[in-house]
Protein backbone atom coordinates (compact mmCIF):
# COMPACT_ATOMS: atom_id res chain seq x y z
CA MET A 1 85.01 49.34 -53.54
CA LYS A 2 85.23 48.20 -49.91
CA ILE A 3 81.94 48.29 -48.02
CA LEU A 4 81.05 47.68 -44.39
CA GLU A 5 77.41 46.69 -43.87
CA PHE A 6 76.07 47.51 -40.39
CA ILE A 7 72.75 46.45 -38.86
CA THR A 8 71.45 46.50 -35.28
CA LEU A 9 69.85 43.06 -35.00
CA ALA A 10 70.58 39.79 -36.81
CA GLU A 11 67.15 38.29 -36.09
CA ILE A 12 64.37 37.48 -38.57
CA GLY A 13 62.91 40.69 -39.98
CA GLY A 14 62.27 42.73 -43.10
CA ALA A 15 65.44 44.84 -42.97
CA GLN A 16 67.49 41.70 -42.34
CA GLU A 17 65.96 39.94 -45.36
CA VAL A 18 66.75 42.92 -47.58
CA LEU A 19 70.34 42.99 -46.29
CA ILE A 20 70.77 39.26 -46.98
CA ASP A 21 69.55 39.73 -50.55
CA LEU A 22 71.88 42.70 -51.02
CA LEU A 23 74.88 40.77 -49.68
CA ARG A 24 74.12 37.89 -52.05
CA GLY A 25 73.85 40.30 -54.97
CA PHE A 26 76.99 42.24 -54.03
CA SER A 27 78.95 38.96 -53.91
CA HIS A 28 78.59 38.50 -57.67
CA ASP A 29 81.97 38.71 -59.41
CA ARG A 30 80.90 41.36 -61.92
CA TYR A 31 80.46 44.00 -59.20
CA LYS A 32 83.97 43.81 -57.75
CA LEU A 33 82.86 44.67 -54.22
CA ASP A 34 84.66 43.69 -51.04
CA THR A 35 82.01 43.51 -48.32
CA ASP A 36 82.18 42.88 -44.57
CA LEU A 37 79.36 42.81 -42.03
CA VAL A 38 78.82 44.02 -38.45
CA VAL A 39 75.72 42.81 -36.58
CA GLY A 40 74.29 42.94 -33.07
CA GLU A 41 72.13 40.41 -31.27
CA GLY A 42 70.78 37.39 -33.15
CA GLU A 43 72.01 34.57 -35.39
CA TYR A 44 69.58 34.51 -38.31
CA ILE A 45 71.67 36.56 -40.77
CA GLN A 46 74.80 34.54 -40.03
CA ARG A 47 72.97 31.26 -40.71
CA ALA A 48 71.48 32.60 -43.92
CA ILE A 49 74.72 33.87 -45.46
CA ASN A 50 77.13 31.26 -44.12
CA PRO A 51 77.12 28.99 -47.23
CA TRP A 52 78.26 31.71 -49.65
CA PHE A 53 79.40 34.93 -47.92
CA GLN A 54 83.17 35.48 -48.27
CA GLY A 55 83.59 38.61 -46.16
CA LYS A 56 84.19 39.05 -42.44
CA VAL A 57 81.26 38.83 -40.04
CA ILE A 58 81.78 40.70 -36.77
CA GLN A 59 79.18 40.40 -34.02
CA LEU A 60 78.88 42.99 -31.26
CA PRO A 61 76.61 41.24 -28.70
CA TYR A 62 76.02 44.45 -26.75
CA LEU A 63 74.47 46.10 -29.85
CA ARG A 64 70.75 45.92 -29.07
CA ARG A 65 67.58 47.75 -30.03
CA LYS A 66 67.06 49.34 -26.61
CA ILE A 67 68.94 52.59 -25.99
CA SER A 68 71.72 52.17 -23.41
CA LEU A 69 74.41 54.82 -23.08
CA PHE A 70 76.93 52.29 -21.74
CA ASN A 71 76.35 49.61 -24.38
CA ASP A 72 75.96 52.10 -27.22
CA LEU A 73 79.24 53.77 -26.30
CA LYS A 74 80.97 50.37 -26.44
CA VAL A 75 79.45 49.80 -29.87
CA LEU A 76 80.67 53.21 -31.06
CA ILE A 77 84.24 52.64 -29.82
CA ASN A 78 84.42 49.19 -31.42
CA LEU A 79 82.87 50.33 -34.68
CA VAL A 80 85.43 53.15 -34.96
CA LYS A 81 88.21 50.58 -34.50
CA ILE A 82 86.67 48.28 -37.12
CA CYS A 83 86.30 51.11 -39.62
CA ARG A 84 89.88 52.31 -39.14
CA LYS A 85 91.33 48.82 -39.43
CA GLY A 86 89.23 47.94 -42.49
CA ASN A 87 89.88 51.19 -44.35
CA TYR A 88 86.40 51.11 -45.89
CA ASP A 89 85.20 53.31 -48.72
CA LEU A 90 81.58 53.16 -47.59
CA LEU A 91 79.68 52.41 -44.39
CA HIS A 92 76.17 51.20 -45.21
CA CYS A 93 73.79 51.33 -42.25
CA HIS A 94 70.45 49.57 -41.76
CA SER A 95 67.96 50.34 -38.94
CA SER A 96 67.70 53.47 -36.83
CA LYS A 97 70.25 52.75 -34.13
CA ALA A 98 72.84 51.52 -36.64
CA ALA A 99 72.33 54.75 -38.57
CA TRP A 100 72.74 56.89 -35.45
CA ILE A 101 75.93 55.18 -34.25
CA GLY A 102 77.28 54.63 -37.76
CA ARG A 103 77.29 58.30 -38.70
CA VAL A 104 79.28 59.25 -35.61
CA ALA A 105 81.69 56.32 -36.03
CA ALA A 106 82.31 57.17 -39.68
CA LEU A 107 83.09 60.76 -38.76
CA LEU A 108 85.57 59.71 -36.08
CA ALA A 109 87.14 56.96 -38.22
CA GLY A 110 87.40 59.02 -41.40
CA VAL A 111 85.17 56.81 -43.57
CA PRO A 112 84.62 58.92 -46.71
CA ARG A 113 80.99 57.88 -47.37
CA VAL A 114 78.03 56.87 -45.22
CA CYS A 115 74.84 55.50 -46.74
CA ILE A 116 71.71 54.84 -44.69
CA THR A 117 68.90 52.62 -45.91
CA VAL A 118 65.76 53.73 -44.08
CA HIS A 119 63.58 50.64 -43.68
CA GLY A 120 61.04 52.65 -41.68
CA LEU A 121 61.06 55.76 -39.51
CA PRO A 122 61.35 55.17 -35.75
CA PHE A 123 58.88 57.95 -34.93
CA SER A 124 56.09 56.96 -37.31
CA TRP A 125 53.93 54.56 -35.30
CA GLY A 126 53.38 52.44 -32.23
CA ARG A 127 55.42 54.33 -29.64
CA ASN A 128 54.31 56.70 -26.92
CA ARG A 129 54.46 60.43 -27.50
CA PHE A 130 57.70 60.86 -25.53
CA SER A 131 59.50 58.16 -27.54
CA ARG A 132 58.34 59.61 -30.86
CA LEU A 133 59.52 63.09 -29.85
CA LEU A 134 62.85 61.67 -28.66
CA TYR A 135 63.50 59.72 -31.87
CA ARG A 136 62.45 62.67 -33.99
CA LEU A 137 64.87 64.90 -32.03
CA ILE A 138 67.73 62.41 -32.50
CA GLU A 139 67.10 62.26 -36.25
CA ARG A 140 66.99 66.05 -36.49
CA LEU A 141 70.23 66.47 -34.51
CA LEU A 142 72.09 63.94 -36.70
CA ILE A 143 70.99 65.41 -40.03
CA PRO A 144 74.05 67.74 -40.25
CA LEU A 145 76.38 64.71 -40.23
CA LYS A 146 77.31 63.84 -43.80
CA ALA A 147 75.29 60.89 -45.11
CA GLU A 148 73.38 59.64 -48.14
CA TYR A 149 69.86 58.31 -47.60
CA ILE A 150 68.12 55.50 -49.43
CA PHE A 151 64.42 55.25 -48.66
CA VAL A 152 62.26 52.24 -49.46
CA SER A 153 59.18 54.45 -49.21
CA PRO A 154 58.65 57.88 -50.83
CA GLU A 155 56.45 58.89 -47.91
CA ASP A 156 59.27 58.30 -45.44
CA ARG A 157 61.54 60.37 -47.68
CA ASP A 158 59.03 63.22 -47.68
CA GLU A 159 58.69 63.03 -43.89
CA MET A 160 62.46 63.35 -43.42
CA ILE A 161 62.62 66.26 -45.87
CA LYS A 162 60.01 68.01 -43.71
CA LEU A 163 62.33 67.38 -40.76
CA GLY A 164 65.11 69.26 -42.53
CA LEU A 165 66.89 66.66 -44.69
CA LYS A 166 68.09 68.00 -48.05
CA PRO A 167 66.35 66.39 -51.05
CA SER A 168 69.71 66.19 -52.83
CA VAL A 169 70.93 63.43 -50.47
CA CYS A 170 67.76 61.32 -50.84
CA LYS A 171 67.06 58.40 -53.15
CA VAL A 172 64.13 55.98 -53.28
CA ILE A 173 64.96 52.36 -54.05
CA LEU A 174 62.09 49.95 -53.57
CA ASN A 175 62.69 46.59 -51.97
CA GLY A 176 62.96 43.47 -54.08
CA ARG A 177 62.44 39.80 -53.30
CA ASN A 178 63.18 36.51 -54.98
CA ILE A 179 60.19 34.50 -56.14
CA PRO A 180 59.40 32.41 -53.04
CA SER A 181 60.09 28.69 -53.26
CA THR A 182 57.23 26.26 -52.84
CA PRO A 183 57.48 24.78 -49.31
CA LYS A 184 58.17 21.07 -48.98
CA LYS A 185 55.18 20.82 -46.64
CA GLY A 186 51.94 22.70 -47.21
CA LEU A 187 49.89 24.43 -44.53
CA THR A 188 47.49 21.47 -44.42
CA GLU A 189 50.40 19.32 -43.25
CA ILE A 190 51.83 21.86 -40.81
CA ILE A 191 48.43 22.83 -39.39
CA PRO A 192 46.19 19.72 -39.32
CA LYS A 193 43.05 21.82 -38.75
CA VAL A 194 43.49 23.63 -42.07
CA SER A 195 40.97 22.04 -44.45
CA LYS A 196 41.96 20.89 -47.92
CA GLY A 197 40.09 22.01 -51.01
CA VAL A 198 38.67 25.26 -49.62
CA PRO A 199 39.81 28.87 -50.18
CA LEU A 200 42.82 30.07 -48.17
CA ILE A 201 43.20 33.66 -46.94
CA LEU A 202 46.74 34.21 -45.64
CA MET A 203 48.57 36.89 -43.69
CA VAL A 204 52.25 36.72 -42.72
CA GLY A 205 53.81 39.03 -40.12
CA ARG A 206 54.57 39.61 -36.45
CA LEU A 207 51.79 39.49 -33.91
CA SER A 208 52.52 43.11 -33.01
CA GLU A 209 50.71 46.44 -32.88
CA GLN A 210 52.22 47.54 -36.19
CA LYS A 211 50.88 44.53 -38.09
CA ASN A 212 47.49 44.88 -36.36
CA PRO A 213 46.59 41.14 -36.25
CA LEU A 214 43.41 41.78 -34.25
CA GLU A 215 42.01 43.52 -37.31
CA PHE A 216 42.76 40.39 -39.37
CA ILE A 217 40.81 38.37 -36.82
CA ASN A 218 37.89 40.81 -36.95
CA VAL A 219 37.88 40.73 -40.75
CA ALA A 220 37.68 36.93 -40.60
CA ARG A 221 34.85 37.14 -38.06
CA VAL A 222 32.80 39.52 -40.21
CA PHE A 223 33.48 37.47 -43.34
CA ILE A 224 32.31 34.24 -41.68
CA GLU A 225 29.24 35.90 -40.11
CA GLN A 226 28.06 36.98 -43.55
CA LEU A 227 28.14 33.47 -45.01
CA SER A 228 24.96 31.50 -45.50
CA ASP A 229 24.57 27.98 -44.14
CA THR A 230 25.41 26.49 -47.54
CA ASP A 231 28.50 28.63 -48.27
CA VAL A 232 31.94 27.06 -48.09
CA ARG A 233 33.91 28.15 -45.02
CA PRO A 234 37.44 29.22 -46.05
CA ASN A 235 40.63 28.93 -44.01
CA PHE A 236 42.06 32.12 -42.52
CA VAL A 237 45.72 31.60 -41.53
CA PHE A 238 48.14 33.99 -39.81
CA ILE A 239 51.80 32.95 -39.87
CA GLY A 240 53.87 34.73 -37.23
CA ASP A 241 54.67 35.14 -33.58
CA GLY A 242 54.97 38.11 -31.28
CA PRO A 243 53.81 39.95 -28.15
CA LEU A 244 50.10 39.90 -29.08
CA LYS A 245 49.89 36.12 -29.43
CA ARG A 246 47.87 35.50 -26.27
CA GLU A 247 45.53 38.42 -27.02
CA CYS A 248 44.97 37.05 -30.53
CA GLN A 249 44.24 33.57 -29.21
CA GLU A 250 41.68 35.01 -26.79
CA ALA A 251 40.07 37.09 -29.54
CA ILE A 252 39.69 34.03 -31.79
CA GLN A 253 38.14 32.04 -28.96
CA GLU A 254 35.78 34.87 -28.02
CA ALA A 255 34.68 35.26 -31.66
CA GLY A 256 34.02 31.53 -31.90
CA ILE A 257 35.93 31.15 -35.19
CA GLY A 258 38.72 28.82 -34.07
CA GLU A 259 37.53 26.22 -36.56
CA TYR A 260 38.28 28.56 -39.47
CA LEU A 261 41.07 30.85 -38.27
CA HIS A 262 44.45 29.39 -37.40
CA LEU A 263 47.63 30.90 -35.95
CA ALA A 264 50.94 29.35 -36.99
CA ASP A 265 54.24 30.16 -35.34
CA ALA A 266 56.85 32.13 -37.27
CA LEU A 267 58.22 30.06 -40.15
CA GLU A 268 61.36 30.76 -42.16
CA ASP A 269 60.61 31.35 -45.85
CA ALA A 270 56.94 31.83 -44.98
CA GLY A 271 56.40 33.73 -48.23
CA GLY A 272 56.35 30.41 -50.05
CA PHE A 273 52.91 29.70 -48.61
CA PHE A 274 51.45 32.47 -50.76
CA TRP A 275 51.52 29.94 -53.59
CA ASP A 276 48.64 28.21 -51.79
CA ALA A 277 46.77 31.42 -50.98
CA ASP A 278 43.67 32.59 -52.85
CA VAL A 279 43.97 36.01 -51.18
CA ALA A 280 46.85 37.63 -49.28
CA VAL A 281 45.93 40.11 -46.52
CA LEU A 282 47.91 42.80 -44.72
CA THR A 283 46.25 44.83 -41.95
CA SER A 284 49.23 46.95 -40.83
CA VAL A 285 48.85 50.44 -39.38
CA TYR A 286 52.15 51.48 -40.97
CA GLU A 287 54.64 50.02 -43.45
CA ALA A 288 57.67 51.19 -45.37
CA CYS A 289 57.92 48.70 -48.25
CA PRO A 290 56.39 45.42 -46.99
CA LEU A 291 58.17 42.33 -48.26
CA VAL A 292 55.12 40.12 -47.76
CA ILE A 293 53.21 42.13 -50.37
CA ILE A 294 56.07 41.65 -52.83
CA GLU A 295 56.20 37.92 -52.09
CA ALA A 296 52.44 37.61 -52.52
CA MET A 297 52.61 39.36 -55.89
CA ALA A 298 55.53 37.15 -56.96
CA ALA A 299 53.36 34.12 -56.21
CA GLY A 300 50.42 35.65 -58.07
CA ALA A 301 48.20 36.11 -55.01
CA PRO A 302 45.75 39.05 -55.09
CA VAL A 303 46.18 41.34 -52.09
CA VAL A 304 43.66 42.98 -49.77
CA ALA A 305 45.54 45.48 -47.61
CA SER A 306 44.99 48.52 -45.41
CA ASN A 307 45.48 51.82 -47.23
CA VAL A 308 48.49 53.03 -45.23
CA PRO A 309 51.87 54.58 -46.12
CA GLY A 310 54.20 52.09 -47.74
CA THR A 311 51.54 49.57 -48.67
CA ARG A 312 49.65 51.95 -50.95
CA ASN A 313 52.80 52.36 -53.06
CA LEU A 314 52.83 48.64 -53.86
CA VAL A 315 49.20 47.59 -54.32
CA LYS A 316 47.44 48.88 -57.45
CA HIS A 317 43.84 49.23 -56.29
CA GLY A 318 41.49 47.27 -58.51
CA GLU A 319 44.39 45.79 -60.53
CA THR A 320 46.66 43.72 -58.27
CA GLY A 321 44.26 43.73 -55.35
CA TYR A 322 42.29 46.11 -53.17
CA LEU A 323 43.12 48.75 -50.57
CA TYR A 324 40.63 49.33 -47.77
CA GLU A 325 40.51 52.15 -45.26
CA PRO A 326 42.11 51.15 -41.92
CA CYS A 327 39.63 49.84 -39.33
CA ASN A 328 36.93 49.35 -41.98
CA ILE A 329 36.72 45.60 -41.46
CA ARG A 330 33.47 45.29 -43.43
CA GLU A 331 35.09 46.82 -46.49
CA ALA A 332 38.02 44.41 -46.15
CA ALA A 333 35.67 41.41 -45.81
CA LYS A 334 33.70 42.63 -48.83
CA ARG A 335 36.87 42.87 -50.95
CA ILE A 336 37.91 39.35 -49.99
CA THR A 337 34.45 38.12 -50.95
CA GLU A 338 34.65 39.84 -54.35
CA ILE A 339 37.92 38.12 -55.17
CA LEU A 340 36.87 34.68 -53.97
CA HIS A 341 33.50 34.75 -55.75
CA ASN A 342 34.81 36.02 -59.10
CA ASN A 343 37.22 33.60 -60.76
CA LYS A 344 37.82 35.92 -63.72
CA LEU A 345 38.70 38.82 -61.43
CA ARG A 346 40.98 36.64 -59.31
CA ASN A 347 42.83 35.33 -62.38
CA GLU A 348 43.24 38.84 -63.81
CA MET A 349 44.59 40.14 -60.50
CA SER A 350 46.93 37.17 -60.24
CA LYS A 351 48.40 37.87 -63.68
CA ALA A 352 48.66 41.60 -62.96
CA SER A 353 50.46 40.86 -59.68
CA SER A 354 53.01 38.68 -61.45
CA ARG A 355 53.62 41.34 -64.11
CA THR A 356 54.02 44.07 -61.50
CA TYR A 357 56.48 41.97 -59.53
CA LYS A 358 58.65 41.26 -62.58
CA SER A 359 58.74 44.91 -63.63
CA ARG A 360 59.34 46.53 -60.23
CA PHE A 361 60.24 44.22 -57.38
CA THR A 362 62.87 41.65 -58.36
CA VAL A 363 66.02 41.30 -56.28
CA GLU A 364 68.11 41.86 -59.40
CA LYS A 365 66.51 45.27 -59.98
CA MET A 366 67.02 46.25 -56.32
CA VAL A 367 70.69 45.20 -56.28
CA GLU A 368 71.40 46.96 -59.57
CA ASN A 369 69.85 50.19 -58.23
CA TYR A 370 72.05 50.03 -55.13
CA ILE A 371 75.17 49.42 -57.22
CA ARG A 372 74.32 52.36 -59.47
CA HIS A 373 73.91 54.57 -56.41
CA PHE A 374 77.20 53.42 -54.88
CA GLU A 375 78.92 54.12 -58.19
CA GLY A 376 77.47 57.62 -58.24
CA LYS A 377 75.03 57.07 -61.09
CA ASN A 378 71.75 58.92 -60.78
CA ASN A 379 68.78 56.59 -60.43
CA GLU A 380 65.38 56.70 -58.79
CA ASP A 381 62.73 54.02 -58.63
CA ARG A 382 59.73 54.81 -60.78
CA LEU A 383 56.80 55.06 -58.37
């Protein structure tokens, strides 16, 4: 089978990490797949796959996230040419814009199958009302074009079915991740202010509205305010960069917790730091199938996360961690306290997290589910 993988951006991100893991899995000899790749702006994917990827990598620098009729038309024309020249059996699209352009290109180029992995719906969060209505309209208009859909979240699947998508073209395949490697340098070496020998509460993500880092800061503030003078002060660490960095820095300073809460810039393979974490936290307002939760479970870190779509499908409340209602920072702080102050509970959650990871979220399971779908075998992740 000859496959063309197509993604909008080649920068660091969840969809990109999933694609890299899929490409590595597809390259195994037993699958007999011939895979090429088309990407837009960015260099991260190319660097990641360069040592082992044998297919063609074609970069279209004018393929960007922002809608531009001129640039997007150039992408469409070039993608049609690539598809015709490559004579592909399947066009596999990742991200919203790639899915929009890919369906039209496949129709014009005569590609027999189009598969779209939905890593998150573009109209679910964080955009103004006009943008959400526009993206919803685009999705609705493109539904008649022939395509198969793979969702990483059952809630996103249900939302698209409400929009008019036929259930018969939908599959749910949960993301998988490799067990993160232990970093050569620990956080105490990278961030000198991080104290050794005290509990570590860690969140990894972009400093963006979706990840809601200000809530993480407020949870840390409430947690620290509740401590007595003799209690050990833990380290709260957020690894990531993004548009809310300055606002987060100001919030930490205003709360007076800079001694205990530390921001680290985005680090490649940041999931490895969950090996050092006593508790992993995720405060997002929306997720599809968050990789950081999977990495935390692989490292055996109990999770305290907001009870939002996507995340609630991964965290087993009271077993692998706790879910708290969004904006309820006191509940989140309370759950962190419960885990830190109860060694038996923390160890039980750690073991349960590792078991859950091995049974549901390995890369091997994810790749095998994709292969089965491409080969036309009926499969659905058990949720």
